[in-house]
Amino acid sequence: MNKFLMKIVVLLISFFCFLSKVYAAEILQVSSSSVLLIGDHNRTYTVKIACTEVSPDLEERSIIWLRKQLPRHTKVNLKPKGSEDGVLIAKVIPFKSNIDIAEEFINEGLATNKC
């Protein structure tokens, strides 16, 4: 396919995606200090927060903090980084702050950066 036709195809796909209704992912549950249950209208995903590691003694405090930062139905963007045993590993970015939750988690001293 030549470059001109490829550009037209990309523009058409972008146009139709823009017109279609998009459902944002939202927090359904904070399962642990690093695992979230996320839904996107008709599916649910188990998502592990990328680049964080929480020590066992900070587990309870971390869960409380995450639940305050990511209450149920918080809209989030996911930036996948991989998967492990069927669990999506992703950066989780709330719409309201547009800041990676892992960065805030690490800055609070509740997790260490493992990336």
PDB file of N, CA and C in Angstrom:
ATOM      1  N   MET A   1       0.851  -1.167   0.000  1.00  0.00           N
ATOM      2  CA  MET A   1       0.000   0.000   0.000  1.00  0.00           C
ATOM      3  C   MET A   1       0.906   1.241   0.000  1.00  0.00           C
ATOM      4  N   ASN A   2       0.603   2.195  -0.836  1.00  0.00           N
ATOM      5  CA  ASN A   2       1.465   3.379  -0.856  1.00  0.00           C
ATOM      6  C   ASN A   2       1.178   4.287   0.337  1.00  0.00           C
ATOM      7  N   LYS A   3       2.074   5.223   0.556  1.00  0.00           N
ATOM      8  CA  LYS A   3       1.978   6.089   1.748  1.00  0.00           C
ATOM      9  C   LYS A   3       0.706   6.932   1.760  1.00  0.00           C
ATOM     10  N   PHE A   4       0.274   7.397   0.611  1.00  0.00           N
ATOM     11  CA  PHE A   4      -0.938   8.218   0.538  1.00  0.00           C
ATOM     12  C   PHE A   4      -2.167   7.430   1.002  1.00  0.00           C
ATOM     13  N   LEU A   5      -2.324   6.222   0.479  1.00  0.00           N
ATOM     14  CA  LEU A   5      -3.461   5.398   0.885  1.00  0.00           C
ATOM     15  C   LEU A   5      -3.387   5.041   2.363  1.00  0.00           C
ATOM     16  N   MET A   6      -2.174   4.782   2.851  1.00  0.00           N
ATOM     17  CA  MET A   6      -1.998   4.454   4.268  1.00  0.00           C
ATOM     18  C   MET A   6      -2.433   5.629   5.144  1.00  0.00           C
ATOM     19  N   LYS A   7      -2.093   6.847   4.747  1.00  0.00           N
ATOM     20  CA  LYS A   7      -2.500   8.039   5.505  1.00  0.00           C
ATOM     21  C   LYS A   7      -4.015   8.187   5.531  1.00  0.00           C
ATOM     22  N   ILE A   8      -4.661   7.927   4.391  1.00  0.00           N
ATOM     23  CA  ILE A   8      -6.117   8.025   4.314  1.00  0.00           C
ATOM     24  C   ILE A   8      -6.766   6.992   5.234  1.00  0.00           C
ATOM     25  N   VAL A   9      -6.256   5.770   5.223  1.00  0.00           N
ATOM     26  CA  VAL A   9      -6.795   4.717   6.083  1.00  0.00           C
ATOM     27  C   VAL A   9      -6.649   5.103   7.549  1.00  0.00           C
ATOM     28  N   VAL A  10      -5.481   5.603   7.931  1.00  0.00           N
ATOM     29  CA  VAL A  10      -5.249   6.018   9.317  1.00  0.00           C
ATOM     30  C   VAL A  10      -6.184   7.159   9.706  1.00  0.00           C
ATOM     31  N   LEU A  11      -6.359   8.125   8.823  1.00  0.00           N
ATOM     32  CA  LEU A  11      -7.273   9.244   9.108  1.00  0.00           C
ATOM     33  C   LEU A  11      -8.714   8.763   9.265  1.00  0.00           C
ATOM     34  N   LEU A  12      -9.151   7.855   8.399  1.00  0.00           N
ATOM     35  CA  LEU A  12     -10.515   7.333   8.509  1.00  0.00           C
ATOM     36  C   LEU A  12     -10.731   6.563   9.806  1.00  0.00           C
ATOM     37  N   ILE A  13      -9.775   5.737  10.169  1.00  0.00           N
ATOM     38  CA  ILE A  13      -9.882   4.985  11.426  1.00  0.00           C
ATOM     39  C   ILE A  13      -9.920   5.940  12.601  1.00  0.00           C
ATOM     40  N   SER A  14      -9.054   6.945  12.592  1.00  0.00           N
ATOM     41  CA  SER A  14      -9.039   7.938  13.672  1.00  0.00           C
ATOM     42  C   SER A  14     -10.363   8.676  13.766  1.00  0.00           C
ATOM     43  N   PHE A  15     -10.919   9.027  12.615  1.00  0.00           N
ATOM     44  CA  PHE A  15     -12.197   9.739  12.577  1.00  0.00           C
ATOM     45  C   PHE A  15     -13.318   8.899  13.183  1.00  0.00           C
ATOM     46  N   PHE A  16     -13.407   7.621  12.792  1.00  0.00           N
ATOM     47  CA  PHE A  16     -14.458   6.753  13.316  1.00  0.00           C
ATOM     48  C   PHE A  16     -14.272   6.470  14.804  1.00  0.00           C
ATOM     49  N   CYS A  17     -13.017   6.353  15.235  1.00  0.00           N
ATOM     50  CA  CYS A  17     -12.768   6.163  16.667  1.00  0.00           C
ATOM     51  C   CYS A  17     -13.196   7.387  17.453  1.00  0.00           C
ATOM     52  N   PHE A  18     -12.980   8.572  16.878  1.00  0.00           N
ATOM     53  CA  PHE A  18     -13.363   9.815  17.535  1.00  0.00           C
ATOM     54  C   PHE A  18     -14.880   9.907  17.668  1.00  0.00           C
ATOM     55  N   LEU A  19     -15.590   9.459  16.642  1.00  0.00           N
ATOM     56  CA  LEU A  19     -17.046   9.542  16.667  1.00  0.00           C
ATOM     57  C   LEU A  19     -17.702   8.493  17.545  1.00  0.00           C
ATOM     58  N   SER A  20     -17.044   7.349  17.713  1.00  0.00           N
ATOM     59  CA  SER A  20     -17.645   6.284  18.513  1.00  0.00           C
ATOM     60  C   SER A  20     -17.592   6.645  19.992  1.00  0.00           C
ATOM     61  N   LYS A  21     -18.533   6.139  20.730  1.00  0.00           N
ATOM     62  CA  LYS A  21     -18.586   6.406  22.159  1.00  0.00           C
ATOM     63  C   LYS A  21     -17.523   5.570  22.860  1.00  0.00           C
ATOM     64  N   VAL A  22     -16.714   6.222  23.684  1.00  0.00           N
ATOM     65  CA  VAL A  22     -15.633   5.543  24.384  1.00  0.00           C
ATOM     66  C   VAL A  22     -15.975   5.464  25.865  1.00  0.00           C
ATOM     67  N   TYR A  23     -15.805   4.295  26.427  1.00  0.00           N
ATOM     68  CA  TYR A  23     -16.070   4.104  27.846  1.00  0.00           C
ATOM     69  C   TYR A  23     -14.740   4.038  28.577  1.00  0.00           C
ATOM     70  N   ALA A  24     -14.554   4.905  29.569  1.00  0.00           N
ATOM     71  CA  ALA A  24     -13.309   4.939  30.321  1.00  0.00           C
ATOM     72  C   ALA A  24     -13.274   3.785  31.314  1.00  0.00           C
ATOM     73  N   ALA A  25     -12.054   3.361  31.607  1.00  0.00           N
ATOM     74  CA  ALA A  25     -11.875   2.354  32.647  1.00  0.00           C
ATOM     75  C   ALA A  25     -12.138   3.021  33.993  1.00  0.00           C
ATOM     76  N   GLU A  26     -12.659   2.246  34.934  1.00  0.00           N
ATOM     77  CA  GLU A  26     -12.894   2.811  36.257  1.00  0.00           C
ATOM     78  C   GLU A  26     -12.557   1.780  37.323  1.00  0.00           C
ATOM     79  N   ILE A  27     -12.176   2.296  38.477  1.00  0.00           N
ATOM     80  CA  ILE A  27     -11.821   1.452  39.612  1.00  0.00           C
ATOM     81  C   ILE A  27     -13.089   0.806  40.157  1.00  0.00           C
ATOM     82  N   LEU A  28     -13.036  -0.507  40.320  1.00  0.00           N
ATOM     83  CA  LEU A  28     -14.138  -1.227  40.953  1.00  0.00           C
ATOM     84  C   LEU A  28     -13.776  -1.639  42.377  1.00  0.00           C
ATOM     85  N   GLN A  29     -12.472  -1.950  42.592  1.00  0.00           N
ATOM     86  CA  GLN A  29     -12.049  -2.397  43.917  1.00  0.00           C
ATOM     87  C   GLN A  29     -10.529  -2.311  44.031  1.00  0.00           C
ATOM     88  N   VAL A  30     -10.057  -1.936  45.217  1.00  0.00           N
ATOM     89  CA  VAL A  30      -8.642  -2.047  45.557  1.00  0.00           C
ATOM     90  C   VAL A  30      -8.509  -3.385  46.269  1.00  0.00           C
ATOM     91  N   SER A  31      -7.898  -4.365  45.601  1.00  0.00           N
ATOM     92  CA  SER A  31      -7.811  -5.722  46.143  1.00  0.00           C
ATOM     93  C   SER A  31      -6.665  -5.897  47.128  1.00  0.00           C
ATOM     94  N   SER A  32      -5.550  -5.221  46.856  1.00  0.00           N
ATOM     95  CA  SER A  32      -4.391  -5.272  47.745  1.00  0.00           C
ATOM     96  C   SER A  32      -3.581  -4.003  47.507  1.00  0.00           C
ATOM     97  N   SER A  33      -2.386  -3.957  48.074  1.00  0.00           N
ATOM     98  CA  SER A  33      -1.576  -2.758  47.933  1.00  0.00           C
ATOM     99  C   SER A  33      -1.023  -2.576  46.524  1.00  0.00           C
ATOM    100  N   SER A  34      -1.162  -3.567  45.678  1.00  0.00           N
ATOM    101  CA  SER A  34      -0.654  -3.424  44.309  1.00  0.00           C
ATOM    102  C   SER A  34      -1.604  -3.964  43.249  1.00  0.00           C
ATOM    103  N   VAL A  35      -2.772  -4.474  43.654  1.00  0.00           N
ATOM    104  CA  VAL A  35      -3.697  -5.070  42.694  1.00  0.00           C
ATOM    105  C   VAL A  35      -5.057  -4.372  42.763  1.00  0.00           C
ATOM    106  N   LEU A  36      -5.559  -4.031  41.569  1.00  0.00           N
ATOM    107  CA  LEU A  36      -6.847  -3.346  41.444  1.00  0.00           C
ATOM    108  C   LEU A  36      -7.775  -4.156  40.553  1.00  0.00           C
ATOM    109  N   LEU A  37      -9.063  -4.041  40.787  1.00  0.00           N
ATOM    110  CA  LEU A  37     -10.060  -4.594  39.888  1.00  0.00           C
ATOM    111  C   LEU A  37     -10.621  -3.402  39.132  1.00  0.00           C
ATOM    112  N   ILE A  38     -10.524  -3.463  37.807  1.00  0.00           N
ATOM    113  CA  ILE A  38     -10.913  -2.336  36.963  1.00  0.00           C
ATOM    114  C   ILE A  38     -11.936  -2.801  35.944  1.00  0.00           C
ATOM    115  N   GLY A  39     -12.936  -1.969  35.695  1.00  0.00           N
ATOM    116  CA  GLY A  39     -13.958  -2.284  34.705  1.00  0.00           C
ATOM    117  C   GLY A  39     -13.988  -1.238  33.616  1.00  0.00           C
ATOM    118  N   ASP A  40     -14.433  -1.663  32.414  1.00  0.00           N
ATOM    119  CA  ASP A  40     -14.555  -0.709  31.308  1.00  0.00           C
ATOM    120  C   ASP A  40     -15.855  -0.917  30.552  1.00  0.00           C
ATOM    121  N   HIS A  41     -16.940  -0.786  31.205  1.00  0.00           N
ATOM    122  CA  HIS A  41     -18.303  -0.888  30.689  1.00  0.00           C
ATOM    123  C   HIS A  41     -18.817  -2.324  30.702  1.00  0.00           C
ATOM    124  N   ASN A  42     -18.142  -3.251  30.016  1.00  0.00           N
ATOM    125  CA  ASN A  42     -18.681  -4.607  29.992  1.00  0.00           C
ATOM    126  C   ASN A  42     -17.651  -5.676  30.354  1.00  0.00           C
ATOM    127  N   ARG A  43     -16.457  -5.277  30.740  1.00  0.00           N
ATOM    128  CA  ARG A  43     -15.415  -6.238  31.113  1.00  0.00           C
ATOM    129  C   ARG A  43     -14.745  -5.782  32.406  1.00  0.00           C
ATOM    130  N   THR A  44     -14.163  -6.736  33.097  1.00  0.00           N
ATOM    131  CA  THR A  44     -13.365  -6.408  34.275  1.00  0.00           C
ATOM    132  C   THR A  44     -11.962  -6.974  34.095  1.00  0.00           C
ATOM    133  N   TYR A  45     -11.002  -6.283  34.670  1.00  0.00           N
ATOM    134  CA  TYR A  45      -9.603  -6.672  34.578  1.00  0.00           C
ATOM    135  C   TYR A  45      -8.975  -6.638  35.954  1.00  0.00           C
ATOM    136  N   THR A  46      -8.086  -7.578  36.198  1.00  0.00           N
ATOM    137  CA  THR A  46      -7.239  -7.496  37.367  1.00  0.00           C
ATOM    138  C   THR A  46      -5.963  -6.810  36.892  1.00  0.00           C
ATOM    139  N   VAL A  47      -5.605  -5.724  37.558  1.00  0.00           N
ATOM    140  CA  VAL A  47      -4.451  -4.922  37.136  1.00  0.00           C
ATOM    141  C   VAL A  47      -3.490  -4.764  38.302  1.00  0.00           C
ATOM    142  N   LYS A  48      -2.233  -5.076  38.048  1.00  0.00           N
ATOM    143  CA  LYS A  48      -1.180  -4.852  39.033  1.00  0.00           C
ATOM    144  C   LYS A  48      -0.525  -3.529  38.696  1.00  0.00           C
ATOM    145  N   ILE A  49      -0.346  -2.686  39.701  1.00  0.00           N
ATOM    146  CA  ILE A  49       0.269  -1.381  39.492  1.00  0.00           C
ATOM    147  C   ILE A  49       1.739  -1.592  39.143  1.00  0.00           C
ATOM    148  N   ALA A  50       2.152  -1.062  38.004  1.00  0.00           N
ATOM    149  CA  ALA A  50       3.517  -1.246  37.508  1.00  0.00           C
ATOM    150  C   ALA A  50       4.534  -0.489  38.361  1.00  0.00           C
ATOM    151  N   CYS A  51       5.720  -1.060  38.452  1.00  0.00           N
ATOM    152  CA  CYS A  51       6.899  -0.413  39.034  1.00  0.00           C
ATOM    153  C   CYS A  51       6.832  -0.171  40.537  1.00  0.00           C
ATOM    154  N   THR A  52       5.999  -0.891  41.255  1.00  0.00           N
ATOM    155  CA  THR A  52       5.934  -0.699  42.702  1.00  0.00           C
ATOM    156  C   THR A  52       6.140  -2.017  43.436  1.00  0.00           C
ATOM    157  N   GLU A  53       6.701  -1.888  44.618  1.00  0.00           N
ATOM    158  CA  GLU A  53       6.831  -3.029  45.519  1.00  0.00           C
ATOM    159  C   GLU A  53       6.569  -2.516  46.930  1.00  0.00           C
ATOM    160  N   VAL A  54       5.676  -3.194  47.632  1.00  0.00           N
ATOM    161  CA  VAL A  54       5.276  -2.768  48.972  1.00  0.00           C
ATOM    162  C   VAL A  54       5.753  -3.808  49.973  1.00  0.00           C
ATOM    163  N   SER A  55       6.403  -3.330  51.031  1.00  0.00           N
ATOM    164  CA  SER A  55       6.838  -4.258  52.070  1.00  0.00           C
ATOM    165  C   SER A  55       5.633  -4.713  52.881  1.00  0.00           C
ATOM    166  N   PRO A  56       5.678  -5.943  53.411  1.00  0.00           N
ATOM    167  CA  PRO A  56       4.532  -6.480  54.167  1.00  0.00           C
ATOM    168  C   PRO A  56       4.094  -5.598  55.338  1.00  0.00           C
ATOM    169  N   ASP A  57       5.022  -4.908  55.998  1.00  0.00           N
ATOM    170  CA  ASP A  57       4.636  -4.073  57.138  1.00  0.00           C
ATOM    171  C   ASP A  57       3.902  -2.791  56.725  1.00  0.00           C
ATOM    172  N   LEU A  58       3.948  -2.433  55.440  1.00  0.00           N
ATOM    173  CA  LEU A  58       3.228  -1.247  54.965  1.00  0.00           C
ATOM    174  C   LEU A  58       1.957  -1.603  54.188  1.00  0.00           C
ATOM    175  N   GLU A  59       1.649  -2.886  54.128  1.00  0.00           N
ATOM    176  CA  GLU A  59       0.511  -3.364  53.335  1.00  0.00           C
ATOM    177  C   GLU A  59      -0.808  -2.687  53.724  1.00  0.00           C
ATOM    178  N   GLU A  60      -1.141  -2.704  55.000  1.00  0.00           N
ATOM    179  CA  GLU A  60      -2.426  -2.153  55.438  1.00  0.00           C
ATOM    180  C   GLU A  60      -2.508  -0.646  55.187  1.00  0.00           C
ATOM    181  N   ARG A  61      -1.444   0.086  55.537  1.00  0.00           N
ATOM    182  CA  ARG A  61      -1.414   1.536  55.287  1.00  0.00           C
ATOM    183  C   ARG A  61      -1.514   1.835  53.800  1.00  0.00           C
ATOM    184  N   SER A  62      -0.872   1.004  52.994  1.00  0.00           N
ATOM    185  CA  SER A  62      -0.882   1.202  51.542  1.00  0.00           C
ATOM    186  C   SER A  62      -2.281   1.015  50.963  1.00  0.00           C
ATOM    187  N   ILE A  63      -2.982   0.016  51.441  1.00  0.00           N
ATOM    188  CA  ILE A  63      -4.350  -0.228  50.970  1.00  0.00           C
ATOM    189  C   ILE A  63      -5.253   0.945  51.335  1.00  0.00           C
ATOM    190  N   ILE A  64      -5.140   1.431  52.548  1.00  0.00           N
ATOM    191  CA  ILE A  64      -5.947   2.577  52.991  1.00  0.00           C
ATOM    192  C   ILE A  64      -5.653   3.796  52.114  1.00  0.00           C
ATOM    193  N   TRP A  65      -4.361   4.054  51.860  1.00  0.00           N
ATOM    194  CA  TRP A  65      -3.971   5.198  51.033  1.00  0.00           C
ATOM    195  C   TRP A  65      -4.511   5.048  49.607  1.00  0.00           C
ATOM    196  N   LEU A  66      -4.358   3.853  49.032  1.00  0.00           N
ATOM    197  CA  LEU A  66      -4.852   3.618  47.667  1.00  0.00           C
ATOM    198  C   LEU A  66      -6.358   3.805  47.574  1.00  0.00           C
ATOM    199  N   ARG A  67      -7.091   3.344  48.578  1.00  0.00           N
ATOM    200  CA  ARG A  67      -8.550   3.491  48.560  1.00  0.00           C
ATOM    201  C   ARG A  67      -8.969   4.962  48.631  1.00  0.00           C
ATOM    202  N   LYS A  68      -8.165   5.782  49.303  1.00  0.00           N
ATOM    203  CA  LYS A  68      -8.454   7.222  49.338  1.00  0.00           C
ATOM    204  C   LYS A  68      -8.139   7.867  47.991  1.00  0.00           C
ATOM    205  N   GLN A  69      -7.051   7.456  47.368  1.00  0.00           N
ATOM    206  CA  GLN A  69      -6.643   8.024  46.085  1.00  0.00           C
ATOM    207  C   GLN A  69      -7.490   7.517  44.920  1.00  0.00           C
ATOM    208  N   LEU A  70      -7.931   6.270  45.027  1.00  0.00           N
ATOM    209  CA  LEU A  70      -8.680   5.626  43.947  1.00  0.00           C
ATOM    210  C   LEU A  70     -10.001   5.058  44.457  1.00  0.00           C
ATOM    211  N   PRO A  71     -10.912   5.928  44.879  1.00  0.00           N
ATOM    212  CA  PRO A  71     -12.203   5.409  45.342  1.00  0.00           C
ATOM    213  C   PRO A  71     -12.954   4.730  44.198  1.00  0.00           C
ATOM    214  N   ARG A  72     -13.897   3.917  44.565  1.00  0.00           N
ATOM    215  CA  ARG A  72     -14.714   3.197  43.584  1.00  0.00           C
ATOM    216  C   ARG A  72     -15.267   4.172  42.544  1.00  0.00           C
ATOM    217  N   HIS A  73     -15.242   3.775  41.287  1.00  0.00           N
ATOM    218  CA  HIS A  73     -15.728   4.524  40.126  1.00  0.00           C
ATOM    219  C   HIS A  73     -14.811   5.657  39.685  1.00  0.00           C
ATOM    220  N   THR A  74     -13.596   5.739  40.232  1.00  0.00           N
ATOM    221  CA  THR A  74     -12.638   6.711  39.739  1.00  0.00           C
ATOM    222  C   THR A  74     -12.252   6.331  38.313  1.00  0.00           C
ATOM    223  N   LYS A  75     -12.334   7.271  37.411  1.00  0.00           N
ATOM    224  CA  LYS A  75     -11.958   7.036  36.006  1.00  0.00           C
ATOM    225  C   LYS A  75     -10.436   7.085  35.885  1.00  0.00           C
ATOM    226  N   VAL A  76      -9.885   6.099  35.180  1.00  0.00           N
ATOM    227  CA  VAL A  76      -8.439   6.008  35.030  1.00  0.00           C
ATOM    228  C   VAL A  76      -8.045   5.645  33.601  1.00  0.00           C
ATOM    229  N   ASN A  77      -6.834   6.060  33.240  1.00  0.00           N
ATOM    230  CA  ASN A  77      -6.189   5.596  32.027  1.00  0.00           C
ATOM    231  C   ASN A  77      -5.233   4.493  32.423  1.00  0.00           C
ATOM    232  N   LEU A  78      -5.127   3.472  31.585  1.00  0.00           N
ATOM    233  CA  LEU A  78      -4.176   2.390  31.815  1.00  0.00           C
ATOM    234  C   LEU A  78      -3.136   2.421  30.713  1.00  0.00           C
ATOM    235  N   LYS A  79      -1.869   2.315  31.109  1.00  0.00           N
ATOM    236  CA  LYS A  79      -0.778   2.206  30.145  1.00  0.00           C
ATOM    237  C   LYS A  79      -0.104   0.870  30.391  1.00  0.00           C
ATOM    238  N   PRO A  80      -0.491  -0.149  29.617  1.00  0.00           N
ATOM    239  CA  PRO A  80       0.032  -1.504  29.838  1.00  0.00           C
ATOM    240  C   PRO A  80       1.555  -1.582  29.718  1.00  0.00           C
ATOM    241  N   LYS A  81       2.151  -2.352  30.621  1.00  0.00           N
ATOM    242  CA  LYS A  81       3.595  -2.582  30.613  1.00  0.00           C
ATOM    243  C   LYS A  81       3.910  -4.055  30.434  1.00  0.00           C
ATOM    244  N   GLY A  82       2.888  -4.914  30.498  1.00  0.00           N
ATOM    245  CA  GLY A  82       3.085  -6.346  30.340  1.00  0.00           C
ATOM    246  C   GLY A  82       2.004  -7.111  31.072  1.00  0.00           C
ATOM    247  N   SER A  83       2.254  -8.400  31.260  1.00  0.00           N
ATOM    248  CA  SER A  83       1.322  -9.219  32.026  1.00  0.00           C
ATOM    249  C   SER A  83       2.100 -10.336  32.708  1.00  0.00           C
ATOM    250  N   GLU A  84       1.486 -10.854  33.760  1.00  0.00           N
ATOM    251  CA  GLU A  84       2.104 -11.924  34.535  1.00  0.00           C
ATOM    252  C   GLU A  84       0.987 -12.815  35.059  1.00  0.00           C
ATOM    253  N   ASP A  85       0.994 -14.079  34.665  1.00  0.00           N
ATOM    254  CA  ASP A  85      -0.030 -15.044  35.099  1.00  0.00           C
ATOM    255  C   ASP A  85      -1.451 -14.541  34.843  1.00  0.00           C
ATOM    256  N   GLY A  86      -1.675 -13.914  33.704  1.00  0.00           N
ATOM    257  CA  GLY A  86      -3.009 -13.439  33.341  1.00  0.00           C
ATOM    258  C   GLY A  86      -3.412 -12.123  33.969  1.00  0.00           C
ATOM    259  N   VAL A  87      -2.499 -11.492  34.690  1.00  0.00           N
ATOM    260  CA  VAL A  87      -2.781 -10.209  35.326  1.00  0.00           C
ATOM    261  C   VAL A  87      -2.072  -9.116  34.535  1.00  0.00           C
ATOM    262  N   LEU A  88      -2.813  -8.107  34.130  1.00  0.00           N
ATOM    263  CA  LEU A  88      -2.254  -6.984  33.404  1.00  0.00           C
ATOM    264  C   LEU A  88      -1.394  -6.148  34.344  1.00  0.00           C
ATOM    265  N   ILE A  89      -0.187  -5.822  33.920  1.00  0.00           N
ATOM    266  CA  ILE A  89       0.683  -4.915  34.669  1.00  0.00           C
ATOM    267  C   ILE A  89       0.650  -3.592  33.915  1.00  0.00           C
ATOM    268  N   ALA A  90       0.234  -2.517  34.604  1.00  0.00           N
ATOM    269  CA  ALA A  90       0.049  -1.248  33.909  1.00  0.00           C
ATOM    270  C   ALA A  90       0.294  -0.068  34.827  1.00  0.00           C
ATOM    271  N   LYS A  91       0.624   1.055  34.205  1.00  0.00           N
ATOM    272  CA  LYS A  91       0.629   2.323  34.911  1.00  0.00           C
ATOM    273  C   LYS A  91      -0.828   2.748  35.003  1.00  0.00           C
ATOM    274  N   VAL A  92      -1.230   3.237  36.162  1.00  0.00           N
ATOM    275  CA  VAL A  92      -2.612   3.647  36.403  1.00  0.00           C
ATOM    276  C   VAL A  92      -2.604   5.152  36.629  1.00  0.00           C
ATOM    277  N   ILE A  93      -3.317   5.872  35.775  1.00  0.00           N
ATOM    278  CA  ILE A  93      -3.306   7.337  35.826  1.00  0.00           C
ATOM    279  C   ILE A  93      -4.736   7.848  35.962  1.00  0.00           C
ATOM    280  N   PRO A  94      -5.088   8.351  37.155  1.00  0.00           N
ATOM    281  CA  PRO A  94      -6.442   8.898  37.346  1.00  0.00           C
ATOM    282  C   PRO A  94      -6.659  10.126  36.460  1.00  0.00           C
ATOM    283  N   PHE A  95      -7.857  10.246  35.886  1.00  0.00           N
ATOM    284  CA  PHE A  95      -8.176  11.405  35.054  1.00  0.00           C
ATOM    285  C   PHE A  95      -8.030  12.706  35.813  1.00  0.00           C
ATOM    286  N   LYS A  96      -8.446  12.706  37.091  1.00  0.00           N
ATOM    287  CA  LYS A  96      -8.493  13.961  37.846  1.00  0.00           C
ATOM    288  C   LYS A  96      -7.120  14.569  38.087  1.00  0.00           C
ATOM    289  N   SER A  97      -6.076  13.743  38.227  1.00  0.00           N
ATOM    290  CA  SER A  97      -4.752  14.292  38.508  1.00  0.00           C
ATOM    291  C   SER A  97      -3.792  14.158  37.340  1.00  0.00           C
ATOM    292  N   ASN A  98      -4.058  13.205  36.461  1.00  0.00           N
ATOM    293  CA  ASN A  98      -3.201  12.935  35.313  1.00  0.00           C
ATOM    294  C   ASN A  98      -1.759  12.608  35.719  1.00  0.00           C
ATOM    295  N   ILE A  99      -1.581  12.070  36.931  1.00  0.00           N
ATOM    296  CA  ILE A  99      -0.268  11.674  37.447  1.00  0.00           C
ATOM    297  C   ILE A  99      -0.303  10.181  37.754  1.00  0.00           C
ATOM    298  N   ASP A 100       0.731   9.477  37.323  1.00  0.00           N
ATOM    299  CA  ASP A 100       0.834   8.038  37.564  1.00  0.00           C
ATOM    300  C   ASP A 100       0.716   7.767  39.061  1.00  0.00           C
ATOM    301  N   ILE A 101      -0.221   6.899  39.432  1.00  0.00           N
ATOM    302  CA  ILE A 101      -0.455   6.600  40.848  1.00  0.00           C
ATOM    303  C   ILE A 101       0.782   5.981  41.489  1.00  0.00           C
ATOM    304  N   ALA A 102       1.594   5.256  40.715  1.00  0.00           N
ATOM    305  CA  ALA A 102       2.821   4.646  41.249  1.00  0.00           C
ATOM    306  C   ALA A 102       3.802   5.718  41.723  1.00  0.00           C
ATOM    307  N   GLU A 103       3.907   6.811  40.984  1.00  0.00           N
ATOM    308  CA  GLU A 103       4.792   7.908  41.386  1.00  0.00           C
ATOM    309  C   GLU A 103       4.357   8.479  42.730  1.00  0.00           C
ATOM    310  N   GLU A 104       3.067   8.719  42.880  1.00  0.00           N
ATOM    311  CA  GLU A 104       2.548   9.252  44.139  1.00  0.00           C
ATOM    312  C   GLU A 104       2.753   8.247  45.277  1.00  0.00           C
ATOM    313  N   PHE A 105       2.532   6.985  44.983  1.00  0.00           N
ATOM    314  CA  PHE A 105       2.677   5.893  45.944  1.00  0.00           C
ATOM    315  C   PHE A 105       4.111   5.847  46.473  1.00  0.00           C
ATOM    316  N   ILE A 106       5.056   5.948  45.566  1.00  0.00           N
ATOM    317  CA  ILE A 106       6.491   5.916  45.929  1.00  0.00           C
ATOM    318  C   ILE A 106       6.868   7.190  46.686  1.00  0.00           C
ATOM    319  N   ASN A 107       6.372   8.351  46.231  1.00  0.00           N
ATOM    320  CA  ASN A 107       6.665   9.617  46.908  1.00  0.00           C
ATOM    321  C   ASN A 107       6.125   9.666  48.327  1.00  0.00           C
ATOM    322  N   GLU A 108       5.033   8.941  48.588  1.00  0.00           N
ATOM    323  CA  GLU A 108       4.463   8.872  49.932  1.00  0.00           C
ATOM    324  C   GLU A 108       5.283   7.952  50.851  1.00  0.00           C
ATOM    325  N   GLY A 109       6.227   7.210  50.288  1.00  0.00           N
ATOM    326  CA  GLY A 109       7.050   6.299  51.083  1.00  0.00           C
ATOM    327  C   GLY A 109       6.365   4.983  51.380  1.00  0.00           C
ATOM    328  N   LEU A 110       5.287   4.686  50.660  1.00  0.00           N
ATOM    329  CA  LEU A 110       4.542   3.457  50.905  1.00  0.00           C
ATOM    330  C   LEU A 110       4.987   2.315  49.991  1.00  0.00           C
ATOM    331  N   ALA A 111       5.741   2.643  48.954  1.00  0.00           N
ATOM    332  CA  ALA A 111       6.219   1.634  48.010  1.00  0.00           C
ATOM    333  C   ALA A 111       7.614   2.024  47.542  1.00  0.00           C
ATOM    334  N   THR A 112       8.320   1.045  47.013  1.00  0.00           N
ATOM    335  CA  THR A 112       9.626   1.319  46.415  1.00  0.00           C
ATOM    336  C   THR A 112       9.529   1.127  44.917  1.00  0.00           C
ATOM    337  N   ASN A 113      10.371   1.853  44.206  1.00  0.00           N
ATOM    338  CA  ASN A 113      10.389   1.782  42.752  1.00  0.00           C
ATOM    339  C   ASN A 113      11.183   0.553  42.342  1.00  0.00           C
ATOM    340  N   LYS A 114      10.575  -0.329  41.570  1.00  0.00           N
ATOM    341  CA  LYS A 114      11.288  -1.517  41.126  1.00  0.00           C
ATOM    342  C   LYS A 114      11.514  -1.518  39.610  1.00  0.00           C
ATOM    343  N   CYS A 115      11.402  -0.366  38.985  1.00  0.00           N
ATOM    344  CA  CYS A 115      11.687  -0.255  37.530  1.00  0.00           C
ATOM    345  C   CYS A 115      13.056   0.358  37.303  1.00  0.00           C
TER     346      CYS A 115
END
